[in-house]
C-alpha atoms as a PDB file:
ATOM      1  CA  MET A   1     -99.594  55.476 -76.505  1.00  0.00           C
ATOM      2  CA  TYR A   2     -98.819  58.979 -75.297  1.00  0.00           C
ATOM      3  CA  ARG A   3     -96.363  60.331 -77.343  1.00  0.00           C
ATOM      4  CA  PRO A   4     -95.085  63.743 -76.275  1.00  0.00           C
ATOM      5  CA  THR A   5     -92.080  66.294 -77.458  1.00  0.00           C
ATOM      6  CA  VAL A   6     -89.796  67.001 -74.609  1.00  0.00           C
ATOM      7  CA  ARG A   7     -87.397  70.299 -74.478  1.00  0.00           C
ATOM      8  CA  TYR A   8     -85.295  70.588 -72.073  1.00  0.00           C
ATOM      9  CA  ALA A   9     -81.393  71.756 -71.817  1.00  0.00           C
ATOM     10  CA  ASP A  10     -78.562  70.382 -73.451  1.00  0.00           C
ATOM     11  CA  VAL A  11     -77.799  69.252 -69.611  1.00  0.00           C
ATOM     12  CA  TYR A  12     -80.660  67.072 -69.685  1.00  0.00           C
ATOM     13  CA  ARG A  13     -79.490  65.817 -73.195  1.00  0.00           C
ATOM     14  CA  ASN A  14     -75.775  65.269 -72.682  1.00  0.00           C
ATOM     15  CA  TYR A  15     -76.844  63.050 -69.390  1.00  0.00           C
ATOM     16  CA  VAL A  16     -79.202  60.928 -71.656  1.00  0.00           C
ATOM     17  CA  ASN A  17     -76.537  60.545 -73.794  1.00  0.00           C
ATOM     18  CA  ASP A  18     -74.249  59.558 -71.418  1.00  0.00           C
ATOM     19  CA  VAL A  19     -76.467  57.473 -69.816  1.00  0.00           C
ATOM     20  CA  PHE A  20     -77.618  55.535 -73.163  1.00  0.00           C
ATOM     21  CA  HIS A  21     -73.614  55.103 -74.212  1.00  0.00           C
ATOM     22  CA  ALA A  22     -73.283  53.673 -70.432  1.00  0.00           C
ATOM     23  CA  THR A  23     -76.011  51.166 -70.201  1.00  0.00           C
ATOM     24  CA  THR A  24     -78.229  49.216 -72.819  1.00  0.00           C
ATOM     25  CA  LEU A  25     -81.448  51.180 -72.576  1.00  0.00           C
ATOM     26  CA  ASP A  26     -82.340  53.250 -75.483  1.00  0.00           C
ATOM     27  CA  ARG A  27     -83.223  56.840 -75.136  1.00  0.00           C
ATOM     28  CA  ASN A  28     -87.250  56.328 -74.501  1.00  0.00           C
ATOM     29  CA  GLN A  29     -86.778  53.645 -71.785  1.00  0.00           C
ATOM     30  CA  ILE A  30     -84.475  56.716 -70.032  1.00  0.00           C
ATOM     31  CA  MET A  31     -87.065  59.117 -70.199  1.00  0.00           C
ATOM     32  CA  ARG A  32     -89.752  56.687 -68.988  1.00  0.00           C
ATOM     33  CA  LEU A  33     -87.729  54.954 -66.150  1.00  0.00           C
ATOM     34  CA  ALA A  34     -86.998  58.821 -65.456  1.00  0.00           C
ATOM     35  CA  LEU A  35     -91.023  59.551 -65.144  1.00  0.00           C
ATOM     36  CA  PHE A  36     -91.746  56.094 -63.668  1.00  0.00           C
ATOM     37  CA  VAL A  37     -89.439  56.717 -60.612  1.00  0.00           C
ATOM     38  CA  ALA A  38     -89.942  60.169 -60.271  1.00  0.00           C
ATOM     39  CA  ALA A  39     -94.145  59.329 -59.566  1.00  0.00           C
ATOM     40  CA  ASN A  40     -92.587  57.017 -56.249  1.00  0.00           C
ATOM     41  CA  SER A  41     -90.042  59.825 -55.500  1.00  0.00           C
ATOM     42  CA  PRO A  42     -90.236  61.549 -52.417  1.00  0.00           C
ATOM     43  CA  GLU A  43     -88.420  64.964 -53.528  1.00  0.00           C
ATOM     44  CA  PHE A  44     -90.256  64.686 -56.145  1.00  0.00           C
ATOM     45  CA  ASN A  45     -93.905  65.097 -55.022  1.00  0.00           C
ATOM     46  CA  ALA A  46     -92.120  67.519 -52.522  1.00  0.00           C
ATOM     47  CA  ILE A  47     -91.637  69.802 -55.262  1.00  0.00           C
ATOM     48  CA  LEU A  48     -95.170  68.913 -57.012  1.00  0.00           C
ATOM     49  CA  ARG A  49     -96.880  69.995 -53.849  1.00  0.00           C
ATOM     50  CA  GLN A  50     -95.129  73.614 -53.412  1.00  0.00           C
ATOM     51  CA  HIS A  51     -96.621  74.078 -56.992  1.00  0.00           C
ATOM     52  CA  GLY A  52     -99.868  72.281 -56.831  1.00  0.00           C
ATOM     53  CA  LYS A  53    -103.096  73.525 -56.031  1.00  0.00           C
ATOM     54  CA  HIS A  54    -104.478  73.904 -53.175  1.00  0.00           C
ATOM     55  CA  ASP A  55    -108.172  72.207 -53.812  1.00  0.00           C
ATOM     56  CA  VAL A  56    -107.143  69.543 -55.931  1.00  0.00           C
ATOM     57  CA  PRO A  57    -104.803  66.347 -54.653  1.00  0.00           C
ATOM     58  CA  LEU A  58    -101.760  65.203 -56.676  1.00  0.00           C
ATOM     59  CA  PRO A  59    -102.636  61.719 -57.809  1.00  0.00           C
ATOM     60  CA  ARG A  60    -100.659  58.484 -57.283  1.00  0.00           C
ATOM     61  CA  PRO A  61     -99.334  56.349 -59.570  1.00  0.00           C
ATOM     62  CA  THR A  62    -101.132  52.878 -60.403  1.00  0.00           C
ATOM     63  CA  TRP A  63     -97.912  51.438 -61.149  1.00  0.00           C
ATOM     64  CA  ARG A  64     -95.606  49.496 -58.054  1.00  0.00           C
ATOM     65  CA  SER A  65     -91.595  49.572 -58.736  1.00  0.00           C
ATOM     66  CA  ASN A  66     -91.296  45.686 -59.718  1.00  0.00           C
ATOM     67  CA  HIS A  67     -93.052  46.641 -62.676  1.00  0.00           C
ATOM     68  CA  THR A  68     -90.934  46.885 -65.046  1.00  0.00           C
ATOM     69  CA  ALA A  69     -92.734  45.615 -68.371  1.00  0.00           C
ATOM     70  CA  LEU A  70     -94.072  49.586 -67.903  1.00  0.00           C
ATOM     71  CA  TRP A  71     -90.832  51.902 -68.640  1.00  0.00           C
ATOM     72  CA  MET A  72     -89.200  48.571 -70.670  1.00  0.00           C
ATOM     73  CA  GLU A  73     -91.405  47.968 -73.012  1.00  0.00           C
ATOM     74  CA  GLN A  74     -93.324  50.883 -75.594  1.00  0.00           C
ATOM     75  CA  ASP A  75     -96.579  49.855 -75.030  1.00  0.00           C
ATOM     76  CA  PRO A  76     -97.521  47.607 -72.469  1.00  0.00           C
ATOM     77  CA  THR A  77    -100.825  47.077 -71.200  1.00  0.00           C
ATOM     78  CA  LEU A  78    -101.635  48.069 -67.977  1.00  0.00           C
ATOM     79  CA  ASN A  79    -104.530  46.563 -66.176  1.00  0.00           C
ATOM     80  CA  THR A  80    -105.792  47.413 -62.310  1.00  0.00           C
ATOM     81  CA  GLU A  81    -107.278  45.179 -60.223  1.00  0.00           C
ATOM     82  CA  GLY A  82    -111.087  45.366 -60.248  1.00  0.00           C
ATOM     83  CA  GLU A  83    -111.641  46.364 -63.863  1.00  0.00           C
ATOM     84  CA  ASP A  84    -113.742  43.705 -65.961  1.00  0.00           C
ATOM     85  CA  VAL A  85    -110.567  42.329 -67.903  1.00  0.00           C
ATOM     86  CA  ASN A  86    -112.288  40.048 -70.794  1.00  0.00           C
ATOM     87  CA  ALA A  87    -110.436  36.425 -71.797  1.00  0.00           C
ATOM     88  CA  VAL A  88    -108.624  36.417 -74.801  1.00  0.00           C
ATOM     89  CA  ASP A  89    -111.292  35.033 -77.655  1.00  0.00           C
ATOM     90  CA  GLY A  90    -110.739  31.454 -79.733  1.00  0.00           C
ATOM     91  CA  GLY A  91    -107.495  30.173 -77.272  1.00  0.00           C
ATOM     92  CA  ALA A  92    -105.318  32.155 -79.137  1.00  0.00           C
ATOM     93  CA  GLU A  93    -102.336  33.424 -76.925  1.00  0.00           C
ATOM     94  CA  ASP A  94    -101.793  36.918 -77.081  1.00  0.00           C
ATOM     95  CA  ASN A  95     -98.667  38.042 -75.919  1.00  0.00           C
ATOM     96  CA  ARG A  96     -98.600  41.072 -74.866  1.00  0.00           C
ATOM     97  CA  THR A  97     -97.277  42.080 -71.310  1.00  0.00           C
ATOM     98  CA  VAL A  98     -99.839  42.687 -68.927  1.00  0.00           C
ATOM     99  CA  ILE A  99     -99.293  44.486 -65.791  1.00  0.00           C
ATOM    100  CA  VAL A 100    -102.003  43.717 -62.652  1.00  0.00           C
ATOM    101  CA  ALA A 101    -101.616  46.540 -60.148  1.00  0.00           C
ATOM    102  CA  GLY A 102    -103.173  47.512 -56.967  1.00  0.00           C
ATOM    103  CA  GLY A 103    -106.265  49.503 -57.103  1.00  0.00           C
ATOM    104  CA  GLY A 104    -105.372  52.199 -55.240  1.00  0.00           C
ATOM    105  CA  SER A 105    -106.094  50.369 -51.829  1.00  0.00           C
ATOM    106  CA  ALA A 106    -103.075  50.940 -49.442  1.00  0.00           C
ATOM    107  CA  GLY A 107    -101.742  47.377 -48.483  1.00  0.00           C
ATOM    108  CA  GLY A 108    -104.406  45.457 -49.857  1.00  0.00           C
ATOM    109  CA  GLY A 109    -105.019  43.288 -52.381  1.00  0.00           C
ATOM    110  CA  ALA A 110    -103.013  40.296 -54.091  1.00  0.00           C
ATOM    111  CA  ALA A 111     -99.506  40.673 -55.284  1.00  0.00           C
ATOM    112  CA  PRO A 112     -98.949  42.462 -58.351  1.00  0.00           C
ATOM    113  CA  THR A 113     -97.879  40.008 -61.349  1.00  0.00           C
ATOM    114  CA  THR A 114     -96.783  40.150 -64.754  1.00  0.00           C
ATOM    115  CA  ARG A 115     -98.061  37.461 -67.075  1.00  0.00           C
ATOM    116  CA  PRO A 116     -98.803  37.080 -70.925  1.00  0.00           C
ATOM    117  CA  VAL A 117    -102.243  36.490 -70.827  1.00  0.00           C
ATOM    118  CA  THR A 118    -103.290  33.025 -72.211  1.00  0.00           C
ATOM    119  CA  ARG A 119    -106.406  31.410 -71.996  1.00  0.00           C
ATOM    120  CA  PRO A 120    -106.578  27.423 -72.773  1.00  0.00           C
ATOM    121  CA  PRO A 121    -108.191  25.690 -75.394  1.00  0.00           C
ATOM    122  CA  GLY A 122    -111.875  25.119 -76.099  1.00  0.00           C
ATOM    123  CA  PRO A 123    -114.868  25.961 -74.025  1.00  0.00           C
ATOM    124  CA  LEU A 124    -115.301  28.514 -71.333  1.00  0.00           C
ATOM    125  CA  ARG A 125    -116.321  26.461 -68.168  1.00  0.00           C
ATOM    126  CA  GLU A 126    -119.273  28.121 -66.276  1.00  0.00           C
ATOM    127  CA  GLY A 127    -119.602  28.137 -62.535  1.00  0.00           C
ATOM    128  CA  VAL A 128    -120.493  29.339 -59.046  1.00  0.00           C
ATOM    129  CA  ILE A 129    -118.251  30.659 -56.650  1.00  0.00           C
ATOM    130  CA  ARG A 130    -119.636  30.899 -53.036  1.00  0.00           C
ATOM    131  CA  SER A 131    -117.662  32.722 -50.128  1.00  0.00           C
ATOM    132  CA  THR A 132    -117.984  33.127 -46.567  1.00  0.00           C
ATOM    133  CA  GLY A 133    -120.804  36.011 -45.390  1.00  0.00           C
ATOM    134  CA  GLY A 134    -123.230  34.987 -48.356  1.00  0.00           C
ATOM    135  CA  ILE A 135    -122.129  36.828 -51.712  1.00  0.00           C
ATOM    136  CA  SER A 136    -121.829  35.066 -54.440  1.00  0.00           C
ATOM    137  CA  PHE A 137    -120.181  35.258 -57.523  1.00  0.00           C
ATOM    138  CA  THR A 138    -120.979  33.895 -61.182  1.00  0.00           C
ATOM    139  CA  LEU A 139    -118.292  32.844 -63.948  1.00  0.00           C
ATOM    140  CA  TYR A 140    -119.350  33.058 -67.310  1.00  0.00           C
END
């Protein structure tokens, strides 16, 4: 987990305190929410482009606007589609929230989901899935 020390003007501190008293969010959630939203903000990205290096593109966030666990929870797990994800061993339930985000392709892939990691008890099943086009997938 990343734990930055941030120094900023009193006007920001006063704003965060006012938001803290006006909502049910804690100060850390407020700061995480600000960064969560800023990454997709046209204004934020326009300012970054003004200060960007000419030979380095700006990064794109790997989360989507409906991934609220990312800023609500202190340490959510973020998995990106296409990465290798191992099943929970032994059939135990892992109650950490997992966010499955698109792999950065524009408009492609399945809709993002947020769900607990679970695996039913019992042995793993093996099988082969064949798709049209001659590609075969072997599951273990």
